[in-house]
Amino acid sequence: MSACWVPIPFIEYRPASGREGAPDYIPEKIGGIGEEDMLTIVLPYIRTAREGVLRLGSLLEEHGTYEMNGIAFSDSDEIWWLETVGGHHWIAKRVPDDQYVTMPNQLGIDSFDLDDALGEGREHLASPDLAQFIYENHLNLSLGDTFNPRDAFGSHSDSDHVYNTARAWNMQRVLNPHAENWDGPSPEHTWASDDLPWGRVPERKLTIEDVKYVLSLHYQGTVYDPYSSIGTEEQRHLLRPIGINRHSQLSILQVRPYKPESSRAIQWVAFASNPFNTLVPIFTNVERTPEYLANTTERVSTDSLYWSSRIIAALADAHFNDIIPEIERYQEKTLAAGHALVTQTDNRLSQAALVEVPEDGALREQLADANDDIAESVRVETDALLGKVLFDASNLMMNRFSRSDF
């Protein structure tokens, strides 16, 4: 038995060097594709999640990639997860219908059926030469007959343990609190475990609110929570929170199989740091986006949900325990209103019989108008929250003083 670690080859662009025709001339080397390319060269040409995997896979085989990526594809029937595992190599696995997947910034698929991937492709897909690539480079590190792609292609560095695996650990302990003893003296998994499951069956069906909560986590209830007083200063800043300060945008894609295709998809969006923001449901089959969501310029302005959310987070962070009740009331109110407005729109479309043709211009305008109403509802509540947070933060400034203090 032998095994060796082989650096995964990337297809990197190299400009031409020297003068063309000269003996030392080195021609330009075309690079591979990357994350910024994938949306435009895949999405317009597919209709299902599986088609997306196969198209991107074929493009990777032809052009290669200059980076590591994990890409999710979803439709009303399936979700697939694809990982780029080398310059021209890729693997993809169908997410079981009853499972969720936690994927921090790592390659994470932990079991893979190569026979299925290179045969019928029911639950697994891969580049055609993957088995040969694994064999020639001694990449199967399993002691038995199974193949673990995480061992072969992934990472488990010290920085992963505080930056990546800790986030998967935090999500799984929230979504499966009774699956194991997370906090005992000998827990099955810790924030540094390299064998956290890629997919897991939750203890109940998950909601949009559940997804938003786990994507806003900062290790609540543990010594690693930066807003808690139960840990030491070192513990409170040891692990990278999921809800981190530099978040720009969050999207939760909801594909509702019980609704007509024309209005089936909703993109729930939020801006800035997740513990302090809210989700806004936006119908996707539209040709325009509300200005409050789309018009984010370099100039800071409360006419933009992005900038308002950034301001609220920055003000609330320093006074978390004093201000978070206002944030939570705002989140509950806006989420409830968002669900209600989506339901009202669904009912209005059904009554007007504008539900059958996705390309119908009148239907798209109805959906765009609904998005405007939803955005305006959120704007009113966000402006009100900003006023409350500003008032509370101002009263808690370090230079406060009152004669009644004497």
Protein backbone atom coordinates (compact mmCIF):
# COMPACT_ATOMS: atom_id res chain seq x y z
CA MET A 1 0.00 0.00 0.00
CA SER A 2 1.35 3.42 -0.94
CA ALA A 3 -0.07 6.91 -0.91
CA CYS A 4 1.26 10.30 -1.74
CA TRP A 5 -0.10 13.83 -1.75
CA VAL A 6 -0.20 15.41 -5.19
CA PRO A 7 -0.83 19.17 -5.57
CA ILE A 8 -4.09 19.64 -7.44
CA PRO A 9 -3.22 21.23 -10.80
CA PHE A 10 -4.80 24.55 -11.68
CA ILE A 11 -5.14 25.98 -15.17
CA GLU A 12 -3.72 29.46 -14.68
CA TYR A 13 -3.48 32.23 -17.26
CA ARG A 14 0.02 33.29 -18.27
CA PRO A 15 0.58 36.30 -20.54
CA ALA A 16 2.96 36.05 -23.45
CA SER A 17 6.59 36.75 -22.68
CA GLY A 18 9.16 38.23 -25.03
CA ARG A 19 8.88 39.26 -28.67
CA GLU A 20 6.97 37.00 -31.04
CA GLY A 21 9.42 35.23 -33.36
CA ALA A 22 12.36 35.62 -30.98
CA PRO A 23 14.06 32.44 -29.64
CA ASP A 24 13.02 33.23 -26.04
CA TYR A 25 9.38 33.97 -26.91
CA ILE A 26 6.82 32.18 -24.74
CA PRO A 27 3.27 32.36 -26.13
CA GLU A 28 0.23 33.22 -24.06
CA LYS A 29 -1.31 30.37 -22.07
CA ILE A 30 -5.08 30.54 -21.81
CA GLY A 31 -6.40 30.07 -18.28
CA GLY A 32 -9.30 28.01 -17.01
CA ILE A 33 -12.75 29.12 -15.89
CA GLY A 34 -13.61 30.27 -12.37
CA GLU A 35 -16.46 31.29 -10.11
CA GLU A 36 -17.05 34.61 -11.86
CA ASP A 37 -17.59 32.82 -15.19
CA MET A 38 -19.84 29.98 -14.14
CA LEU A 39 -23.19 31.74 -13.86
CA THR A 40 -23.15 33.22 -17.34
CA ILE A 41 -21.76 30.19 -19.17
CA VAL A 42 -24.05 27.66 -17.44
CA LEU A 43 -27.38 29.06 -16.22
CA PRO A 44 -28.80 30.35 -19.54
CA TYR A 45 -28.29 26.94 -21.14
CA ILE A 46 -29.92 24.58 -18.64
CA ARG A 47 -33.38 23.75 -17.33
CA THR A 48 -32.63 21.29 -14.49
CA ALA A 49 -30.08 20.86 -11.74
CA ARG A 50 -28.67 17.72 -13.34
CA GLU A 51 -28.26 19.52 -16.66
CA GLY A 52 -26.34 22.22 -14.80
CA VAL A 53 -23.92 19.69 -13.34
CA LEU A 54 -23.34 18.06 -16.71
CA ARG A 55 -22.83 21.35 -18.55
CA LEU A 56 -20.41 22.80 -16.01
CA GLY A 57 -18.66 19.44 -15.83
CA SER A 58 -18.13 19.36 -19.59
CA LEU A 59 -16.80 22.93 -19.54
CA LEU A 60 -14.38 22.05 -16.74
CA GLU A 61 -13.18 19.03 -18.69
CA GLU A 62 -12.52 21.22 -21.72
CA HIS A 63 -11.16 24.39 -20.16
CA GLY A 64 -10.14 23.46 -16.62
CA THR A 65 -10.28 25.82 -13.65
CA TYR A 66 -7.81 28.08 -11.86
CA GLU A 67 -9.39 27.69 -8.40
CA MET A 68 -11.26 25.33 -6.08
CA ASN A 69 -15.04 25.69 -6.01
CA GLY A 70 -18.17 24.09 -4.62
CA ILE A 71 -21.34 24.83 -6.61
CA ALA A 72 -24.95 23.97 -5.75
CA PHE A 73 -27.59 23.33 -8.43
CA SER A 74 -31.25 23.09 -7.50
CA ASP A 75 -34.62 22.71 -9.18
CA SER A 76 -38.02 21.65 -7.87
CA ASP A 77 -36.99 17.98 -7.80
CA GLU A 78 -33.28 17.75 -7.02
CA ILE A 79 -30.29 19.45 -5.43
CA TRP A 80 -26.78 18.57 -6.61
CA TRP A 81 -23.43 19.64 -5.18
CA LEU A 82 -20.42 19.84 -7.51
CA GLU A 83 -16.79 20.22 -6.44
CA THR A 84 -13.86 21.10 -8.70
CA VAL A 85 -11.13 18.68 -7.66
CA GLY A 86 -8.33 19.56 -10.03
CA GLY A 87 -7.61 21.41 -13.23
CA HIS A 88 -9.97 19.38 -15.44
CA HIS A 89 -11.55 17.08 -12.85
CA TRP A 90 -14.81 17.33 -10.94
CA ILE A 91 -17.22 15.31 -8.83
CA ALA A 92 -20.90 15.87 -8.01
CA LYS A 93 -23.31 14.25 -5.60
CA ARG A 94 -27.07 14.47 -5.32
CA VAL A 95 -28.22 15.74 -1.92
CA PRO A 96 -30.69 13.23 -0.43
CA ASP A 97 -34.21 14.67 -0.19
CA ASP A 98 -34.32 14.32 3.60
CA GLN A 99 -30.90 15.85 4.34
CA TYR A 100 -29.27 19.25 4.67
CA VAL A 101 -25.62 19.91 3.83
CA THR A 102 -23.21 22.13 5.75
CA MET A 103 -20.47 23.45 3.50
CA PRO A 104 -18.02 26.02 4.87
CA ASN A 105 -15.09 27.08 2.67
CA GLN A 106 -13.85 23.53 2.08
CA LEU A 107 -14.38 20.57 -0.17
CA GLY A 108 -16.66 18.42 1.94
CA ILE A 109 -18.19 15.40 0.18
CA ASP A 110 -17.22 12.53 2.49
CA SER A 111 -18.42 9.45 0.55
CA PHE A 112 -18.65 8.79 -3.15
CA ASP A 113 -19.73 5.90 -5.35
CA LEU A 114 -17.32 5.90 -8.29
CA ASP A 115 -19.11 2.99 -9.98
CA ASP A 116 -22.36 4.97 -10.02
CA ALA A 117 -20.61 8.19 -11.10
CA LEU A 118 -18.89 6.52 -14.05
CA GLY A 119 -21.86 4.27 -14.80
CA GLU A 120 -25.57 5.05 -14.48
CA GLY A 121 -25.02 8.36 -12.64
CA ARG A 122 -28.10 8.05 -10.45
CA GLU A 123 -26.75 9.85 -7.36
CA HIS A 124 -23.14 10.58 -8.35
CA LEU A 125 -21.46 12.16 -11.39
CA ALA A 126 -17.81 12.85 -12.23
CA SER A 127 -15.35 13.61 -15.00
CA PRO A 128 -14.88 10.42 -17.10
CA ASP A 129 -11.21 9.94 -16.22
CA LEU A 130 -11.60 10.51 -12.48
CA ALA A 131 -10.90 6.90 -11.47
CA GLN A 132 -7.71 6.89 -13.56
CA PHE A 133 -6.67 10.25 -12.08
CA ILE A 134 -7.17 8.90 -8.55
CA TYR A 135 -5.32 5.65 -9.30
CA GLU A 136 -2.33 7.20 -11.07
CA ASN A 137 -1.80 9.78 -8.31
CA HIS A 138 -2.50 7.44 -5.37
CA LEU A 139 -5.29 9.66 -4.10
CA ASN A 140 -7.52 7.01 -2.51
CA LEU A 141 -6.48 7.23 1.13
CA SER A 142 -9.20 4.92 2.46
CA LEU A 143 -8.12 1.70 4.16
CA GLY A 144 -11.19 -0.19 2.95
CA ASP A 145 -13.24 -0.34 -0.23
CA THR A 146 -14.91 3.07 0.18
CA PHE A 147 -13.69 6.31 -1.35
CA ASN A 148 -13.69 9.55 0.67
CA PRO A 149 -13.21 12.61 -1.59
CA ARG A 150 -12.65 14.85 1.43
CA ASP A 151 -9.50 12.89 2.27
CA ALA A 152 -8.35 12.81 -1.35
CA PHE A 153 -9.05 16.39 -2.43
CA GLY A 154 -9.98 18.39 0.67
CA SER A 155 -8.05 20.05 3.46
CA HIS A 156 -7.90 19.72 7.24
CA SER A 157 -5.35 22.32 8.22
CA ASP A 158 -5.07 24.09 11.55
CA SER A 159 -6.61 27.18 9.96
CA ASP A 160 -9.55 25.07 8.71
CA HIS A 161 -10.33 24.13 12.30
CA VAL A 162 -10.88 27.71 13.43
CA TYR A 163 -12.19 29.08 10.14
CA ASN A 164 -14.19 26.33 8.43
CA THR A 165 -15.01 23.16 10.36
CA ALA A 166 -16.10 25.21 13.37
CA ARG A 167 -18.92 26.68 11.29
CA ALA A 168 -20.17 23.25 10.18
CA TRP A 169 -20.00 22.11 13.81
CA ASN A 170 -22.04 25.13 14.93
CA MET A 171 -24.75 24.52 12.31
CA GLN A 172 -25.06 20.80 13.00
CA ARG A 173 -25.28 21.21 16.78
CA VAL A 174 -28.18 23.65 16.23
CA LEU A 175 -30.06 21.61 13.63
CA ASN A 176 -29.41 18.24 15.35
CA PRO A 177 -29.15 19.12 19.05
CA HIS A 178 -30.12 15.60 20.21
CA ALA A 179 -28.14 13.58 17.68
CA GLU A 180 -25.11 13.38 19.94
CA ASN A 181 -23.63 14.82 23.11
CA TRP A 182 -22.13 18.01 21.77
CA ASP A 183 -20.95 19.48 25.08
CA GLY A 184 -20.01 16.53 27.26
CA PRO A 185 -16.50 15.70 28.45
CA SER A 186 -16.00 13.36 25.48
CA PRO A 187 -18.08 14.74 22.60
CA GLU A 188 -18.27 12.78 19.37
CA HIS A 189 -17.48 15.92 17.38
CA THR A 190 -15.86 19.24 18.26
CA TRP A 191 -15.22 22.41 16.30
CA ALA A 192 -11.89 20.88 15.18
CA SER A 193 -13.33 17.56 13.93
CA ASP A 194 -12.41 16.64 10.37
CA ASP A 195 -15.13 13.97 10.13
CA LEU A 196 -18.28 16.05 10.55
CA PRO A 197 -20.91 14.56 8.21
CA TRP A 198 -21.32 16.26 4.83
CA GLY A 199 -25.07 15.65 4.93
CA ARG A 200 -27.37 15.04 7.85
CA VAL A 201 -31.08 14.34 8.43
CA PRO A 202 -32.46 17.13 10.63
CA GLU A 203 -34.64 16.40 13.65
CA ARG A 204 -37.59 18.14 11.98
CA LYS A 205 -38.38 19.87 8.70
CA LEU A 206 -36.47 23.12 8.26
CA THR A 207 -37.93 26.56 7.57
CA ILE A 208 -36.59 29.68 5.92
CA GLU A 209 -36.17 31.08 9.44
CA ASP A 210 -34.05 28.07 10.45
CA VAL A 211 -31.74 28.61 7.50
CA LYS A 212 -31.42 32.31 8.28
CA TYR A 213 -30.67 31.54 11.94
CA VAL A 214 -27.84 29.10 11.25
CA LEU A 215 -26.35 31.47 8.68
CA SER A 216 -26.31 34.16 11.38
CA LEU A 217 -24.72 32.04 14.11
CA HIS A 218 -21.95 33.35 16.34
CA TYR A 219 -21.66 30.33 18.69
CA GLN A 220 -24.55 31.32 20.95
CA GLY A 221 -24.60 29.30 24.15
CA THR A 222 -20.90 28.48 24.01
CA VAL A 223 -17.73 30.09 25.32
CA TYR A 224 -16.87 31.04 21.72
CA ASP A 225 -19.65 33.64 21.38
CA PRO A 226 -17.99 37.07 20.94
CA TYR A 227 -21.04 38.73 22.53
CA SER A 228 -21.08 36.50 25.63
CA SER A 229 -19.36 36.90 28.97
CA ILE A 230 -19.10 33.19 29.80
CA GLY A 231 -15.82 32.56 27.98
CA THR A 232 -12.39 34.07 28.24
CA GLU A 233 -11.31 36.85 25.90
CA GLU A 234 -9.24 34.32 23.93
CA GLN A 235 -12.14 31.87 23.62
CA ARG A 236 -14.58 34.54 22.48
CA HIS A 237 -12.38 35.36 19.49
CA LEU A 238 -10.94 31.92 18.74
CA LEU A 239 -13.40 30.79 16.04
CA ARG A 240 -14.68 32.48 12.89
CA PRO A 241 -18.43 33.15 13.35
CA ILE A 242 -20.87 32.34 10.55
CA GLY A 243 -22.56 35.71 11.10
CA ILE A 244 -19.40 37.76 10.59
CA ASN A 245 -18.96 41.53 10.33
CA ARG A 246 -17.88 41.63 6.68
CA HIS A 247 -20.89 39.90 5.17
CA SER A 248 -22.10 41.70 2.08
CA GLN A 249 -25.09 39.72 0.86
CA LEU A 250 -26.97 36.52 1.70
CA SER A 251 -29.34 34.66 -0.62
CA ILE A 252 -31.60 31.75 0.25
CA LEU A 253 -33.09 30.20 -2.88
CA GLN A 254 -36.54 28.69 -2.42
CA VAL A 255 -37.97 26.60 -5.26
CA ARG A 256 -41.60 25.74 -4.41
CA PRO A 257 -42.69 22.57 -6.24
CA TYR A 258 -46.29 23.12 -5.14
CA LYS A 259 -46.57 26.40 -7.11
CA PRO A 260 -46.76 27.11 -10.86
CA GLU A 261 -43.43 27.30 -12.64
CA SER A 262 -44.01 30.95 -13.48
CA SER A 263 -43.87 32.06 -9.83
CA ARG A 264 -42.23 29.07 -8.22
CA ALA A 265 -38.84 30.56 -7.34
CA ILE A 266 -38.22 33.08 -4.56
CA GLN A 267 -34.86 34.54 -3.62
CA TRP A 268 -34.73 35.63 0.02
CA VAL A 269 -32.05 38.31 0.27
CA ALA A 270 -30.33 40.06 3.18
CA PHE A 271 -27.48 42.54 3.35
CA ALA A 272 -24.57 43.21 5.73
CA SER A 273 -23.88 41.30 8.97
CA ASN A 274 -26.42 38.50 9.36
CA PRO A 275 -27.11 38.68 13.14
CA PHE A 276 -28.49 42.20 12.61
CA ASN A 277 -30.30 42.05 9.26
CA THR A 278 -33.53 40.59 7.89
CA LEU A 279 -34.57 38.54 4.88
CA VAL A 280 -36.60 40.00 2.01
CA PRO A 281 -38.49 37.59 -0.30
CA ILE A 282 -38.15 38.53 -3.98
CA PHE A 283 -39.92 36.79 -6.87
CA THR A 284 -37.27 35.96 -9.46
CA ASN A 285 -39.24 35.81 -12.72
CA VAL A 286 -38.99 39.58 -13.19
CA GLU A 287 -37.20 42.12 -15.37
CA ARG A 288 -36.56 44.79 -12.72
CA THR A 289 -35.58 44.90 -9.05
CA PRO A 290 -36.79 47.45 -6.46
CA GLU A 291 -34.43 50.42 -6.19
CA TYR A 292 -34.18 49.96 -2.43
CA LEU A 293 -32.48 46.62 -3.04
CA ALA A 294 -30.70 47.25 -6.33
CA ASN A 295 -29.37 50.79 -6.02
CA THR A 296 -26.32 50.35 -3.79
CA THR A 297 -23.82 53.04 -4.72
CA GLU A 298 -20.51 53.99 -3.13
CA ARG A 299 -22.27 56.84 -1.36
CA VAL A 300 -23.65 55.78 2.01
CA SER A 301 -27.40 56.38 1.98
CA THR A 302 -30.43 55.12 3.88
CA ASP A 303 -32.17 54.92 0.49
CA SER A 304 -30.38 51.57 0.19
CA LEU A 305 -31.19 48.51 2.31
CA TYR A 306 -27.53 47.50 2.09
CA TRP A 307 -26.26 50.72 3.67
CA SER A 308 -29.06 50.88 6.24
CA SER A 309 -28.27 47.33 7.30
CA ARG A 310 -24.55 48.15 7.52
CA ILE A 311 -25.24 51.18 9.71
CA ILE A 312 -27.58 49.26 12.02
CA ALA A 313 -25.04 46.45 12.46
CA ALA A 314 -22.17 48.85 13.20
CA LEU A 315 -24.23 50.74 15.79
CA ALA A 316 -25.67 47.65 17.45
CA ASP A 317 -22.49 45.58 17.64
CA ALA A 318 -20.88 47.58 20.45
CA HIS A 319 -24.08 47.39 22.54
CA PHE A 320 -25.26 43.94 21.50
CA ASN A 321 -27.14 42.86 24.62
CA ASP A 322 -28.89 46.23 24.95
CA ILE A 323 -30.00 46.50 21.32
CA ILE A 324 -30.50 42.91 20.12
CA PRO A 325 -34.11 42.76 21.44
CA GLU A 326 -35.03 45.56 19.00
CA ILE A 327 -33.26 43.69 16.19
CA GLU A 328 -35.12 40.46 16.95
CA ARG A 329 -38.51 42.20 16.98
CA TYR A 330 -37.67 43.77 13.62
CA GLN A 331 -36.62 40.41 12.16
CA GLU A 332 -39.78 38.65 13.32
CA LYS A 333 -42.05 41.43 12.05
CA THR A 334 -40.43 41.74 8.62
CA LEU A 335 -40.21 37.98 8.07
CA ALA A 336 -43.88 37.57 8.97
CA ALA A 337 -44.80 40.42 6.64
CA GLY A 338 -42.68 38.89 3.88
CA HIS A 339 -44.49 35.55 4.14
CA ALA A 340 -47.85 37.32 4.15
CA LEU A 341 -47.06 39.38 1.05
CA VAL A 342 -45.83 36.29 -0.81
CA THR A 343 -49.09 34.50 0.02
CA GLN A 344 -51.15 37.51 -1.07
CA THR A 345 -49.28 37.61 -4.37
CA ASP A 346 -49.77 33.87 -4.94
CA ASN A 347 -53.51 34.25 -4.32
CA ARG A 348 -53.80 37.32 -6.56
CA LEU A 349 -52.04 35.56 -9.43
CA SER A 350 -54.23 32.50 -9.05
CA GLN A 351 -57.43 34.53 -9.09
CA ALA A 352 -56.27 36.48 -12.16
CA ALA A 353 -55.23 33.25 -13.93
CA LEU A 354 -51.72 34.67 -14.42
CA VAL A 355 -49.91 31.52 -13.40
CA GLU A 356 -49.32 29.36 -16.44
CA VAL A 357 -46.81 31.00 -18.78
CA PRO A 358 -43.43 31.98 -17.27
CA GLU A 359 -42.72 34.35 -20.20
CA ASP A 360 -46.01 36.25 -19.82
CA GLY A 361 -45.23 39.96 -19.61
CA ALA A 362 -48.29 40.79 -17.51
CA LEU A 363 -47.37 38.13 -14.98
CA ARG A 364 -43.79 39.36 -14.73
CA GLU A 365 -45.02 42.90 -14.12
CA GLN A 366 -47.33 41.63 -11.37
CA LEU A 367 -44.40 39.91 -9.71
CA ALA A 368 -42.24 43.02 -10.03
CA ASP A 369 -45.01 45.11 -8.47
CA ALA A 370 -45.23 42.60 -5.61
CA ASN A 371 -41.48 42.93 -5.09
CA ASP A 372 -41.91 46.71 -4.90
CA ASP A 373 -44.56 46.29 -2.19
CA ILE A 374 -42.36 43.89 -0.23
CA ALA A 375 -39.35 46.21 -0.48
CA GLU A 376 -41.39 49.22 0.64
CA SER A 377 -42.69 47.29 3.65
CA VAL A 378 -39.12 46.43 4.65
CA ARG A 379 -37.95 50.00 4.07
CA VAL A 380 -40.53 51.40 6.50
CA GLU A 381 -39.55 48.91 9.21
CA THR A 382 -35.81 49.34 8.59
CA ASP A 383 -36.04 53.14 8.85
CA ALA A 384 -37.92 52.77 12.13
CA LEU A 385 -35.35 50.29 13.47
CA LEU A 386 -32.46 52.57 12.47
CA GLY A 387 -34.03 55.39 14.47
CA LYS A 388 -34.39 53.18 17.56
CA VAL A 389 -30.88 51.75 17.29
CA LEU A 390 -29.37 55.20 16.80
CA PHE A 391 -31.23 56.51 19.84
CA ASP A 392 -30.15 53.59 22.03
CA ALA A 393 -26.53 53.67 20.85
CA SER A 394 -26.36 57.43 21.40
CA ASN A 395 -27.55 57.00 24.98
CA LEU A 396 -24.84 54.39 25.55
CA MET A 397 -21.91 56.45 24.26
CA MET A 398 -18.84 56.57 26.46
CA ASN A 399 -18.99 60.36 26.79
CA ARG A 400 -22.46 60.34 28.31
CA PHE A 401 -22.88 62.41 31.51
CA SER A 402 -25.76 63.46 33.69
CA ARG A 403 -25.82 65.68 36.77
CA SER A 404 -28.18 63.17 38.36
CA ASP A 405 -25.26 60.76 38.45
CA PHE A 406 -23.94 62.64 41.46
